[in-house]
Protein backbone atom coordinates (compact mmCIF):
# COMPACT_ATOMS: atom_id res chain seq x y z
CA MET A 1 0.02 0.06 0.11
CA ASN A 2 1.18 3.49 -0.81
CA ALA A 3 0.27 6.86 1.21
CA GLU A 4 0.72 10.52 0.75
CA LEU A 5 1.07 12.73 3.78
CA LEU A 6 -0.97 16.16 3.41
CA SER A 7 0.13 18.72 6.05
CA ILE A 8 -1.92 22.02 6.36
CA GLY A 9 -0.74 25.33 7.65
CA THR A 10 0.86 28.41 6.47
CA GLU A 11 3.18 28.07 9.69
CA LEU A 12 4.61 24.64 8.28
CA LEU A 13 4.85 25.80 4.85
CA LEU A 14 7.03 29.05 5.82
CA GLY A 15 9.36 26.99 8.25
CA ASP A 16 7.84 28.82 11.25
CA ILE A 17 7.65 25.51 12.97
CA LEU A 18 9.04 22.14 12.63
CA ASN A 19 6.39 19.71 11.11
CA THR A 20 6.93 17.00 13.72
CA ASN A 21 3.60 15.30 13.03
CA ALA A 22 4.85 14.50 9.63
CA ARG A 23 8.09 12.97 11.01
CA PHE A 24 5.95 11.09 13.39
CA LEU A 25 3.44 9.67 10.72
CA SER A 26 6.21 8.81 8.54
CA LYS A 27 7.77 6.55 11.08
CA GLN A 28 4.46 5.18 11.77
CA LEU A 29 3.37 4.42 8.19
CA SER A 30 6.66 2.77 7.48
CA GLY A 31 6.28 0.56 10.65
CA LEU A 32 2.94 -0.66 9.25
CA GLY A 33 4.49 -1.40 5.85
CA ILE A 34 2.93 1.47 4.02
CA ASN A 35 5.14 3.12 1.59
CA LEU A 36 5.14 6.95 1.86
CA TYR A 37 5.77 8.44 -1.67
CA TYR A 38 4.89 11.86 -1.08
CA GLN A 39 4.74 14.58 1.48
CA THR A 40 2.48 17.86 0.60
CA THR A 41 2.54 20.83 2.73
CA VAL A 42 -0.39 23.33 2.10
CA GLY A 43 -0.80 26.69 3.59
CA ASP A 44 -4.14 27.78 5.05
CA ASN A 45 -4.28 31.11 3.42
CA ARG A 46 -7.42 32.28 1.72
CA GLU A 47 -6.16 33.78 -1.29
CA ARG A 48 -3.62 31.14 -1.88
CA LEU A 49 -6.10 28.47 -1.58
CA LEU A 50 -8.36 30.15 -4.03
CA ARG A 51 -5.46 30.72 -6.54
CA GLN A 52 -4.35 27.15 -6.27
CA LEU A 53 -8.00 26.20 -7.23
CA ARG A 54 -7.91 28.54 -10.43
CA GLU A 55 -4.38 27.37 -11.23
CA VAL A 56 -5.59 23.68 -11.26
CA ASN A 57 -8.42 24.48 -13.04
CA ASP A 58 -6.34 26.19 -15.71
CA ALA A 59 -4.09 23.09 -15.88
CA ILE A 60 -7.24 20.54 -16.33
CA PRO A 61 -8.46 20.43 -20.03
CA ASP A 62 -11.65 18.63 -19.34
CA PRO A 63 -14.73 21.22 -19.63
CA VAL A 64 -16.88 19.07 -17.17
CA MET A 65 -14.32 19.07 -14.58
CA SER A 66 -13.40 22.68 -15.17
CA GLN A 67 -17.11 23.53 -14.75
CA LYS A 68 -17.30 21.77 -11.30
CA ILE A 69 -13.80 23.29 -10.24
CA SER A 70 -15.28 26.44 -11.07
CA ARG A 71 -18.36 26.02 -8.66
CA LEU A 72 -15.95 24.82 -6.02
CA GLU A 73 -13.92 27.93 -6.50
CA GLU A 74 -17.04 30.27 -6.41
CA VAL A 75 -18.71 28.58 -3.34
CA SER A 76 -15.26 28.45 -1.46
CA GLU A 77 -14.91 32.22 -2.30
CA ARG A 78 -18.36 32.86 -0.72
CA ILE A 79 -17.35 30.64 2.20
CA PHE A 80 -14.38 32.91 2.93
CA ALA A 81 -16.08 36.20 2.29
CA LEU A 82 -18.93 35.21 5.02
CA ALA A 83 -16.26 34.07 7.52
CA GLN A 84 -14.28 37.52 6.84
CA LYS A 85 -17.48 39.47 7.38
CA ASP A 86 -18.73 37.49 10.57
CA PRO A 87 -15.50 36.15 12.44
CA ASP A 88 -18.02 33.99 14.67
CA LYS A 89 -18.39 31.71 11.77
CA LYS A 90 -14.73 31.12 11.36
CA ALA A 91 -14.91 28.33 14.03
CA GLN A 92 -17.41 26.41 11.87
CA LEU A 93 -14.73 26.15 9.15
CA GLN A 94 -12.07 24.34 10.69
CA LYS A 95 -12.57 21.03 8.76
CA PHE A 96 -13.36 23.13 5.61
CA MET A 97 -10.05 24.82 6.12
CA ASN A 98 -7.90 22.18 7.33
CA TYR A 99 -9.21 19.09 5.50
CA TYR A 100 -11.74 19.50 3.10
CA LEU A 101 -10.32 22.32 0.68
CA PRO A 102 -6.82 21.16 1.05
CA THR A 103 -7.90 17.49 0.07
CA ALA A 104 -9.90 18.58 -2.69
CA LEU A 105 -7.12 20.53 -3.94
CA LYS A 106 -4.52 17.38 -3.52
CA LEU A 107 -7.02 15.38 -5.80
CA LEU A 108 -7.42 18.09 -8.34
CA ASN A 109 -3.62 18.42 -8.46
CA THR A 110 -3.29 14.60 -8.94
CA TYR A 111 -5.88 14.80 -11.65
CA ALA A 112 -3.99 17.39 -13.58
CA SER A 113 -0.77 15.66 -13.26
CA LEU A 114 -2.54 12.30 -14.41
CA SER A 115 -4.07 14.15 -17.39
CA GLY A 116 -0.62 15.36 -18.30
CA GLN A 117 0.79 11.99 -18.80
CA ALA A 118 1.57 10.71 -22.23
CA VAL A 119 -0.15 7.38 -21.46
CA GLU A 120 -3.38 6.61 -20.59
CA GLY A 121 -3.06 3.14 -18.66
CA THR A 122 -5.39 1.40 -16.38
CA ASN A 123 -4.07 2.99 -13.12
CA ILE A 124 -4.16 6.47 -14.68
CA THR A 125 -7.59 6.04 -16.05
CA GLU A 126 -9.06 4.71 -12.93
CA ALA A 127 -7.47 7.22 -10.69
CA LYS A 128 -8.93 9.97 -13.11
CA HIS A 129 -12.34 8.43 -13.00
CA SER A 130 -12.32 8.15 -9.18
CA ILE A 131 -11.43 11.77 -8.91
CA GLU A 132 -14.04 12.71 -11.62
CA ARG A 133 -16.71 10.66 -9.54
CA SER A 134 -15.73 12.56 -6.35
CA MET A 135 -16.37 15.91 -7.56
CA ASP A 136 -20.10 15.92 -7.56
CA LEU A 137 -19.70 14.96 -4.01
CA LEU A 138 -17.25 17.78 -3.09
CA VAL A 139 -19.50 20.43 -4.94
CA THR A 140 -22.54 19.31 -2.90
CA ALA A 141 -20.62 19.17 0.45
CA PHE A 142 -19.11 22.64 -0.29
CA GLU A 143 -22.57 24.05 -1.19
CA ASN A 144 -24.02 22.34 2.11
CA GLN A 145 -20.84 24.05 4.16
CA LEU A 146 -21.93 27.41 2.88
CA ASP A 147 -25.78 26.88 3.85
CA LYS A 148 -24.65 25.61 7.19
CA LEU A 149 -23.05 28.85 7.98
CA PHE A 150 -26.60 30.54 7.79
CA GLN A 151 -28.13 27.89 10.13
CA ALA A 152 -27.98 30.58 13.22
CA ASP A 153 -29.40 33.15 11.05
CA ALA A 154 -32.36 31.13 9.88
CA LEU A 155 -32.85 30.41 13.62
CA ASP A 156 -32.92 33.96 14.28
CA VAL A 157 -35.31 34.82 11.63
CA ASN A 158 -37.78 32.12 12.88
CA ALA A 159 -37.62 33.71 16.50
CA ASP A 160 -37.91 37.21 15.34
CA ILE A 161 -41.21 35.93 13.03
CA ALA A 162 -42.70 34.23 15.95
CA ALA A 163 -42.27 37.15 18.34
CA LEU A 164 -43.55 39.53 15.95
CA GLU A 165 -46.62 37.48 15.05
CA GLY A 166 -47.17 37.12 18.90
CA MET A 167 -47.02 40.83 19.64
CA LEU A 168 -49.29 41.49 16.57
CA ASN A 169 -51.73 38.99 17.74
CA LEU A 170 -51.49 40.62 21.49
CA ASP A 171 -52.23 44.14 20.20
CA GLY A 172 -54.99 42.78 17.96
CA LEU A 173 -53.58 43.57 14.77
CA THR A 174 -53.99 40.46 13.04
CA GLY A 175 -57.75 39.96 13.39
CA SER A 176 -60.36 39.86 10.37
CA GLU A 177 -60.91 43.60 10.35
CA PHE A 178 -57.49 43.61 8.25
CA THR A 179 -58.81 41.06 5.58
CA ARG A 180 -60.90 42.24 2.67
C-alpha cells in the first residue's frame, strides 16, 4: 500500500515551526509497511487556496471538470467572504479549511498531473475516473458547508417572526378587520 502525507498550515509551509507530526506519521506508516511516496504541505491562507483552485482549473483541459472546479472556487470564495464578514463563523470552518479544501486541492492536482501523462493506462484512467466521480460529492458538500453557515441566521429569523406574530396578535392587529 502507498500513501501521501498532507500537512496543512502556512506556519509549516513557511518553516515557522517544525513539522514534527509529519516525522511521526512517516515513521508510523513505515512501521506498518505502508510506502510513503509524497509529503505535501499546503498553506491555509485564503487567497493562496483560491489561487490554487484557479491554477489547477487552468491545468485541467476537461470542460466538465473545469465547470465543477469553478463551482468549488465560487462556493469557497463565498464561504471565505462570509467568514471574513462574520468572524464568529470561522470556528465552523476548521474542517473545511484544514481538511476538505486542501484534500480537494490535492485530488485536483493529482488529476492535473495524471492528465498530463503521455499514457492512458489502467491506473491513470481509474484514478482519474475516481476523482471525476468525487467531484459531484465535493460540490454538494461545499454548498452544504456554505448553507450551514446560515443556520444560526435562519433560527434568528424564525424567532423574530414568532415574536412579531405574537406581538401583533396581542395587540389585536391580526384580526379579521384587516382582511378584505
